[in-house]
PDB file of N, CA and C in Angstrom:
ATOM      1  N   MET A   1       1.088  13.856  -9.926  1.00  0.00           N
ATOM      2  CA  MET A   1       1.815  13.440  -8.740  1.00  0.00           C
ATOM      3  C   MET A   1       3.000  14.366  -8.516  1.00  0.00           C
ATOM      4  N   SER A   2       3.292  14.607  -7.291  1.00  0.00           N
ATOM      5  CA  SER A   2       4.434  15.441  -6.922  1.00  0.00           C
ATOM      6  C   SER A   2       5.685  14.594  -6.768  1.00  0.00           C
ATOM      7  N   ALA A   3       6.815  15.259  -6.849  1.00  0.00           N
ATOM      8  CA  ALA A   3       8.102  14.588  -6.659  1.00  0.00           C
ATOM      9  C   ALA A   3       8.845  15.268  -5.523  1.00  0.00           C
ATOM     10  N   VAL A   4       9.641  14.484  -4.803  1.00  0.00           N
ATOM     11  CA  VAL A   4      10.432  14.994  -3.690  1.00  0.00           C
ATOM     12  C   VAL A   4      11.865  14.516  -3.871  1.00  0.00           C
ATOM     13  N   THR A   5      12.810  15.398  -3.624  1.00  0.00           N
ATOM     14  CA  THR A   5      14.219  15.035  -3.663  1.00  0.00           C
ATOM     15  C   THR A   5      14.764  15.104  -2.245  1.00  0.00           C
ATOM     16  N   ILE A   6      15.480  14.070  -1.845  1.00  0.00           N
ATOM     17  CA  ILE A   6      16.077  14.051  -0.509  1.00  0.00           C
ATOM     18  C   ILE A   6      17.590  14.131  -0.683  1.00  0.00           C
ATOM     19  N   ARG A   7      18.156  15.184  -0.154  1.00  0.00           N
ATOM     20  CA  ARG A   7      19.603  15.387  -0.254  1.00  0.00           C
ATOM     21  C   ARG A   7      20.278  15.031   1.061  1.00  0.00           C
ATOM     22  N   ASN A   8      21.563  14.776   0.970  1.00  0.00           N
ATOM     23  CA  ASN A   8      22.414  14.543   2.143  1.00  0.00           C
ATOM     24  C   ASN A   8      21.957  13.359   2.989  1.00  0.00           C
ATOM     25  N   LEU A   9      21.489  12.319   2.342  1.00  0.00           N
ATOM     26  CA  LEU A   9      21.109  11.100   3.031  1.00  0.00           C
ATOM     27  C   LEU A   9      22.382  10.307   3.322  1.00  0.00           C
ATOM     28  N   SER A  10      22.562   9.915   4.555  1.00  0.00           N
ATOM     29  CA  SER A  10      23.788   9.192   4.912  1.00  0.00           C
ATOM     30  C   SER A  10      23.823   7.835   4.210  1.00  0.00           C
ATOM     31  N   GLU A  11      25.018   7.330   4.003  1.00  0.00           N
ATOM     32  CA  GLU A  11      25.188   6.007   3.376  1.00  0.00           C
ATOM     33  C   GLU A  11      24.534   4.915   4.214  1.00  0.00           C
ATOM     34  N   GLU A  12      24.619   5.048   5.543  1.00  0.00           N
ATOM     35  CA  GLU A  12      24.013   4.053   6.433  1.00  0.00           C
ATOM     36  C   GLU A  12      22.497   4.012   6.247  1.00  0.00           C
ATOM     37  N   THR A  13      21.886   5.197   6.175  1.00  0.00           N
ATOM     38  CA  THR A  13      20.438   5.265   5.985  1.00  0.00           C
ATOM     39  C   THR A  13      20.059   4.724   4.613  1.00  0.00           C
ATOM     40  N   HIS A  14      20.830   5.069   3.602  1.00  0.00           N
ATOM     41  CA  HIS A  14      20.575   4.585   2.253  1.00  0.00           C
ATOM     42  C   HIS A  14      20.629   3.059   2.210  1.00  0.00           C
ATOM     43  N   ARG A  15      21.643   2.487   2.838  1.00  0.00           N
ATOM     44  CA  ARG A  15      21.782   1.036   2.893  1.00  0.00           C
ATOM     45  C   ARG A  15      20.611   0.394   3.642  1.00  0.00           C
ATOM     46  N   ALA A  16      20.233   1.001   4.775  1.00  0.00           N
ATOM     47  CA  ALA A  16      19.127   0.467   5.575  1.00  0.00           C
ATOM     48  C   ALA A  16      17.817   0.505   4.783  1.00  0.00           C
ATOM     49  N   LEU A  17      17.616   1.568   4.009  1.00  0.00           N
ATOM     50  CA  LEU A  17      16.414   1.649   3.179  1.00  0.00           C
ATOM     51  C   LEU A  17      16.406   0.566   2.103  1.00  0.00           C
ATOM     52  N   LYS A  18      17.557   0.313   1.505  1.00  0.00           N
ATOM     53  CA  LYS A  18      17.660  -0.744   0.491  1.00  0.00           C
ATOM     54  C   LYS A  18      17.323  -2.099   1.089  1.00  0.00           C
ATOM     55  N   VAL A  19      17.831  -2.358   2.284  1.00  0.00           N
ATOM     56  CA  VAL A  19      17.564  -3.632   2.963  1.00  0.00           C
ATOM     57  C   VAL A  19      16.083  -3.745   3.301  1.00  0.00           C
ATOM     58  N   ARG A  20      15.526  -2.681   3.847  1.00  0.00           N
ATOM     59  CA  ARG A  20      14.107  -2.683   4.220  1.00  0.00           C
ATOM     60  C   ARG A  20      13.222  -2.893   2.992  1.00  0.00           C
ATOM     61  N   ALA A  21      13.546  -2.216   1.906  1.00  0.00           N
ATOM     62  CA  ALA A  21      12.776  -2.370   0.674  1.00  0.00           C
ATOM     63  C   ALA A  21      12.848  -3.806   0.174  1.00  0.00           C
ATOM     64  N   ALA A  22      14.029  -4.392   0.211  1.00  0.00           N
ATOM     65  CA  ALA A  22      14.197  -5.780  -0.239  1.00  0.00           C
ATOM     66  C   ALA A  22      13.373  -6.735   0.627  1.00  0.00           C
ATOM     67  N   LYS A  23      13.339  -6.499   1.939  1.00  0.00           N
ATOM     68  CA  LYS A  23      12.551  -7.344   2.848  1.00  0.00           C
ATOM     69  C   LYS A  23      11.073  -7.316   2.484  1.00  0.00           C
ATOM     70  N   HIS A  24      10.606  -6.131   2.027  1.00  0.00           N
ATOM     71  CA  HIS A  24       9.197  -5.973   1.686  1.00  0.00           C
ATOM     72  C   HIS A  24       8.924  -6.241   0.209  1.00  0.00           C
ATOM     73  N   GLY A  25       9.956  -6.611  -0.544  1.00  0.00           N
ATOM     74  CA  GLY A  25       9.776  -6.908  -1.958  1.00  0.00           C
ATOM     75  C   GLY A  25       9.405  -5.697  -2.790  1.00  0.00           C
ATOM     76  N   ARG A  26       9.925  -4.531  -2.405  1.00  0.00           N
ATOM     77  CA  ARG A  26       9.606  -3.287  -3.108  1.00  0.00           C
ATOM     78  C   ARG A  26      10.887  -2.607  -3.560  1.00  0.00           C
ATOM     79  N   SER A  27      10.719  -1.687  -4.478  1.00  0.00           N
ATOM     80  CA  SER A  27      11.836  -0.824  -4.852  1.00  0.00           C
ATOM     81  C   SER A  27      12.077   0.147  -3.703  1.00  0.00           C
ATOM     82  N   MET A  28      13.234   0.769  -3.712  1.00  0.00           N
ATOM     83  CA  MET A  28      13.519   1.742  -2.656  1.00  0.00           C
ATOM     84  C   MET A  28      12.542   2.912  -2.737  1.00  0.00           C
ATOM     85  N   GLU A  29      12.197   3.319  -3.929  1.00  0.00           N
ATOM     86  CA  GLU A  29      11.238   4.418  -4.106  1.00  0.00           C
ATOM     87  C   GLU A  29       9.867   4.039  -3.542  1.00  0.00           C
ATOM     88  N   ALA A  30       9.414   2.828  -3.823  1.00  0.00           N
ATOM     89  CA  ALA A  30       8.126   2.373  -3.287  1.00  0.00           C
ATOM     90  C   ALA A  30       8.177   2.267  -1.765  1.00  0.00           C
ATOM     91  N   GLU A  31       9.316   1.837  -1.233  1.00  0.00           N
ATOM     92  CA  GLU A  31       9.468   1.744   0.225  1.00  0.00           C
ATOM     93  C   GLU A  31       9.399   3.122   0.863  1.00  0.00           C
ATOM     94  N   LEU A  32      10.059   4.091   0.258  1.00  0.00           N
ATOM     95  CA  LEU A  32      10.015   5.459   0.782  1.00  0.00           C
ATOM     96  C   LEU A  32       8.592   6.016   0.733  1.00  0.00           C
ATOM     97  N   ARG A  33       7.859   5.726  -0.339  1.00  0.00           N
ATOM     98  CA  ARG A  33       6.466   6.178  -0.417  1.00  0.00           C
ATOM     99  C   ARG A  33       5.649   5.562   0.710  1.00  0.00           C
ATOM    100  N   ALA A  34       5.843   4.275   0.956  1.00  0.00           N
ATOM    101  CA  ALA A  34       5.099   3.596   2.024  1.00  0.00           C
ATOM    102  C   ALA A  34       5.436   4.179   3.395  1.00  0.00           C
ATOM    103  N   ILE A  35       6.716   4.452   3.628  1.00  0.00           N
ATOM    104  CA  ILE A  35       7.139   5.031   4.912  1.00  0.00           C
ATOM    105  C   ILE A  35       6.511   6.410   5.106  1.00  0.00           C
ATOM    106  N   LEU A  36       6.588   7.248   4.086  1.00  0.00           N
ATOM    107  CA  LEU A  36       6.024   8.596   4.182  1.00  0.00           C
ATOM    108  C   LEU A  36       4.509   8.549   4.348  1.00  0.00           C
ATOM    109  N   GLU A  37       3.855   7.688   3.592  1.00  0.00           N
ATOM    110  CA  GLU A  37       2.402   7.564   3.677  1.00  0.00           C
ATOM    111  C   GLU A  37       1.966   7.175   5.088  1.00  0.00           C
ATOM    112  N   SER A  38       2.631   6.191   5.677  1.00  0.00           N
ATOM    113  CA  SER A  38       2.244   5.745   7.018  1.00  0.00           C
ATOM    114  C   SER A  38       2.576   6.790   8.083  1.00  0.00           C
ATOM    115  N   ALA A  39       3.586   7.610   7.823  1.00  0.00           N
ATOM    116  CA  ALA A  39       3.969   8.631   8.807  1.00  0.00           C
ATOM    117  C   ALA A  39       2.990   9.794   8.835  1.00  0.00           C
ATOM    118  N   VAL A  40       2.460  10.169   7.695  1.00  0.00           N
ATOM    119  CA  VAL A  40       1.621  11.370   7.663  1.00  0.00           C
ATOM    120  C   VAL A  40       0.139  11.083   7.479  1.00  0.00           C
ATOM    121  N   ARG A  41      -0.218   9.846   7.131  1.00  0.00           N
ATOM    122  CA  ARG A  41      -1.616   9.491   6.952  1.00  0.00           C
ATOM    123  C   ARG A  41      -1.909   8.195   7.689  1.00  0.00           C
ATOM    124  N   PRO A  42      -2.117   8.287   9.001  1.00  0.00           N
ATOM    125  CA  PRO A  42      -2.372   7.067   9.764  1.00  0.00           C
ATOM    126  C   PRO A  42      -3.612   6.335   9.255  1.00  0.00           C
ATOM    127  N   LYS A  43      -3.621   5.015   9.401  1.00  0.00           N
ATOM    128  CA  LYS A  43      -4.738   4.213   8.919  1.00  0.00           C
ATOM    129  C   LYS A  43      -6.026   4.524   9.666  1.00  0.00           C
ATOM    130  N   THR A  44      -5.905   4.810  10.945  1.00  0.00           N
ATOM    131  CA  THR A  44      -7.080   5.088  11.766  1.00  0.00           C
ATOM    132  C   THR A  44      -7.016   6.514  12.278  1.00  0.00           C
ATOM    133  N   ARG A  45      -8.064   7.254  12.030  1.00  0.00           N
ATOM    134  CA  ARG A  45      -8.137   8.618  12.551  1.00  0.00           C
ATOM    135  C   ARG A  45      -8.458   8.563  14.038  1.00  0.00           C
ATOM    136  N   LEU A  46      -8.047   9.576  14.769  1.00  0.00           N
ATOM    137  CA  LEU A  46      -8.221   9.595  16.219  1.00  0.00           C
ATOM    138  C   LEU A  46      -9.681   9.449  16.618  1.00  0.00           C
ATOM    139  N   GLY A  47     -10.560  10.199  15.988  1.00  0.00           N
ATOM    140  CA  GLY A  47     -11.987  10.121  16.329  1.00  0.00           C
ATOM    141  C   GLY A  47     -12.552   8.738  16.098  1.00  0.00           C
ATOM    142  N   THR A  48     -12.161   8.110  15.008  1.00  0.00           N
ATOM    143  CA  THR A  48     -12.613   6.760  14.703  1.00  0.00           C
ATOM    144  C   THR A  48     -12.098   5.776  15.745  1.00  0.00           C
ATOM    145  N   ALA A  49     -10.829   5.917  16.125  1.00  0.00           N
ATOM    146  CA  ALA A  49     -10.248   5.033  17.135  1.00  0.00           C
ATOM    147  C   ALA A  49     -10.951   5.207  18.481  1.00  0.00           C
ATOM    148  N   LEU A  50     -11.253   6.447  18.851  1.00  0.00           N
ATOM    149  CA  LEU A  50     -11.942   6.694  20.124  1.00  0.00           C
ATOM    150  C   LEU A  50     -13.358   6.126  20.107  1.00  0.00           C
ATOM    151  N   ALA A  51     -14.062   6.280  18.992  1.00  0.00           N
ATOM    152  CA  ALA A  51     -15.416   5.738  18.887  1.00  0.00           C
ATOM    153  C   ALA A  51     -15.391   4.218  18.999  1.00  0.00           C
ATOM    154  N   GLU A  52     -14.423   3.590  18.339  1.00  0.00           N
ATOM    155  CA  GLU A  52     -14.292   2.134  18.415  1.00  0.00           C
ATOM    156  C   GLU A  52     -13.985   1.686  19.843  1.00  0.00           C
ATOM    157  N   PHE A  53     -13.103   2.413  20.514  1.00  0.00           N
ATOM    158  CA  PHE A  53     -12.771   2.105  21.900  1.00  0.00           C
ATOM    159  C   PHE A  53     -14.021   2.207  22.782  1.00  0.00           C
ATOM    160  N   GLY A  54     -14.800   3.264  22.587  1.00  0.00           N
ATOM    161  CA  GLY A  54     -16.032   3.432  23.359  1.00  0.00           C
ATOM    162  C   GLY A  54     -17.002   2.285  23.152  1.00  0.00           C
ATOM    163  N   ARG A  55     -17.146   1.825  21.900  1.00  0.00           N
ATOM    164  CA  ARG A  55     -18.022   0.683  21.618  1.00  0.00           C
ATOM    165  C   ARG A  55     -17.514  -0.576  22.309  1.00  0.00           C
ATOM    166  N   GLU A  56     -16.197  -0.787  22.279  1.00  0.00           N
ATOM    167  CA  GLU A  56     -15.618  -1.968  22.930  1.00  0.00           C
ATOM    168  C   GLU A  56     -15.841  -1.945  24.436  1.00  0.00           C
ATOM    169  N   MET A  57     -15.920  -0.762  25.021  1.00  0.00           N
ATOM    170  CA  MET A  57     -16.114  -0.627  26.463  1.00  0.00           C
ATOM    171  C   MET A  57     -17.594  -0.623  26.841  1.00  0.00           C
ATOM    172  N   GLY A  58     -18.464  -0.865  25.881  1.00  0.00           N
ATOM    173  CA  GLY A  58     -19.892  -0.942  26.183  1.00  0.00           C
ATOM    174  C   GLY A  58     -20.637   0.349  25.918  1.00  0.00           C
ATOM    175  N   GLY A  59     -19.975   1.344  25.379  1.00  0.00           N
ATOM    176  CA  GLY A  59     -20.635   2.601  25.054  1.00  0.00           C
ATOM    177  C   GLY A  59     -20.799   3.508  26.261  1.00  0.00           C
ATOM    178  N   VAL A  60     -21.079   4.744  25.984  1.00  0.00           N
ATOM    179  CA  VAL A  60     -21.274   5.750  27.026  1.00  0.00           C
ATOM    180  C   VAL A  60     -22.426   6.641  26.604  1.00  0.00           C
ATOM    181  N   GLU A  61     -23.373   6.845  27.489  1.00  0.00           N
ATOM    182  CA  GLU A  61     -24.466   7.764  27.229  1.00  0.00           C
ATOM    183  C   GLU A  61     -24.060   9.157  27.697  1.00  0.00           C
ATOM    184  N   LEU A  62     -23.980  10.073  26.776  1.00  0.00           N
ATOM    185  CA  LEU A  62     -23.653  11.449  27.128  1.00  0.00           C
ATOM    186  C   LEU A  62     -24.888  12.309  26.948  1.00  0.00           C
ATOM    187  N   PRO A  63     -25.145  13.181  27.900  1.00  0.00           N
ATOM    188  CA  PRO A  63     -26.328  14.039  27.775  1.00  0.00           C
ATOM    189  C   PRO A  63     -26.142  15.060  26.653  1.00  0.00           C
ATOM    190  N   THR A  64     -27.256  15.437  26.072  1.00  0.00           N
ATOM    191  CA  THR A  64     -27.209  16.497  25.060  1.00  0.00           C
ATOM    192  C   THR A  64     -27.804  17.755  25.653  1.00  0.00           C
ATOM    193  N   ASN A  65     -27.402  18.863  25.152  1.00  0.00           N
ATOM    194  CA  ASN A  65     -27.849  20.148  25.676  1.00  0.00           C
ATOM    195  C   ASN A  65     -28.506  20.925  24.541  1.00  0.00           C
ATOM    196  N   ARG A  66     -29.827  21.023  24.583  1.00  0.00           N
ATOM    197  CA  ARG A  66     -30.555  21.727  23.523  1.00  0.00           C
ATOM    198  C   ARG A  66     -30.706  23.218  23.807  1.00  0.00           C
ATOM    199  N   ASP A  67     -30.402  23.636  25.024  1.00  0.00           N
ATOM    200  CA  ASP A  67     -30.439  25.067  25.333  1.00  0.00           C
ATOM    201  C   ASP A  67     -29.076  25.474  25.886  1.00  0.00           C
ATOM    202  N   ASP A  68     -28.973  26.599  26.491  1.00  0.00           N
ATOM    203  CA  ASP A  68     -27.680  27.074  26.992  1.00  0.00           C
ATOM    204  C   ASP A  68     -27.438  26.738  28.449  1.00  0.00           C
ATOM    205  N   SER A  69     -28.290  25.890  29.051  1.00  0.00           N
ATOM    206  CA  SER A  69     -28.100  25.565  30.456  1.00  0.00           C
ATOM    207  C   SER A  69     -26.882  24.652  30.615  1.00  0.00           C
ATOM    208  N   PRO A  70     -26.183  24.765  31.750  1.00  0.00           N
ATOM    209  CA  PRO A  70     -25.001  23.931  31.967  1.00  0.00           C
ATOM    210  C   PRO A  70     -25.377  22.457  32.096  1.00  0.00           C
ATOM    211  N   LEU A  71     -24.479  21.603  31.661  1.00  0.00           N
ATOM    212  CA  LEU A  71     -24.677  20.154  31.770  1.00  0.00           C
ATOM    213  C   LEU A  71     -23.954  19.616  32.986  1.00  0.00           C
ATOM    214  N   GLU A  72     -24.470  18.524  33.497  1.00  0.00           N
ATOM    215  CA  GLU A  72     -23.765  17.820  34.565  1.00  0.00           C
ATOM    216  C   GLU A  72     -22.613  17.050  33.921  1.00  0.00           C
ATOM    217  N   PRO A  73     -21.480  16.950  34.631  1.00  0.00           N
ATOM    218  CA  PRO A  73     -20.348  16.181  34.074  1.00  0.00           C
ATOM    219  C   PRO A  73     -20.745  14.718  33.855  1.00  0.00           C
ATOM    220  N   ALA A  74     -20.198  14.110  32.825  1.00  0.00           N
ATOM    221  CA  ALA A  74     -20.439  12.703  32.559  1.00  0.00           C
ATOM    222  C   ALA A  74     -19.774  11.849  33.624  1.00  0.00           C
ATOM    223  N   THR A  75     -20.390  10.731  33.966  1.00  0.00           N
ATOM    224  CA  THR A  75     -19.786   9.790  34.908  1.00  0.00           C
ATOM    225  C   THR A  75     -19.504   8.490  34.176  1.00  0.00           C
ATOM    226  N   PHE A  76     -18.384   7.902  34.480  1.00  0.00           N
ATOM    227  CA  PHE A  76     -17.976   6.653  33.864  1.00  0.00           C
ATOM    228  C   PHE A  76     -17.832   5.622  34.959  1.00  0.00           C
ATOM    229  N   GLU A  77     -18.758   4.705  34.999  1.00  0.00           N
ATOM    230  CA  GLU A  77     -18.766   3.700  36.072  1.00  0.00           C
ATOM    231  C   GLU A  77     -18.409   2.350  35.547  1.00  0.00           C
TER     232      GLU A  77
END
């Protein structure tokens, strides 16, 4: 596991992190890990979210192109 050091953190931010960690029943270090994890690794990837949205909207049939001929634009009705 890697380690990160954060310097020059304001007292206000430090206090707010302590409060937030206490609300979640975690140590400040665990709270910081959770914050960083959610910021850089979203739970849902964009492609997955778009596919789910498409299914919720009833799906969309898109033409496939097996040769190099141009395709007609998709229509969404």
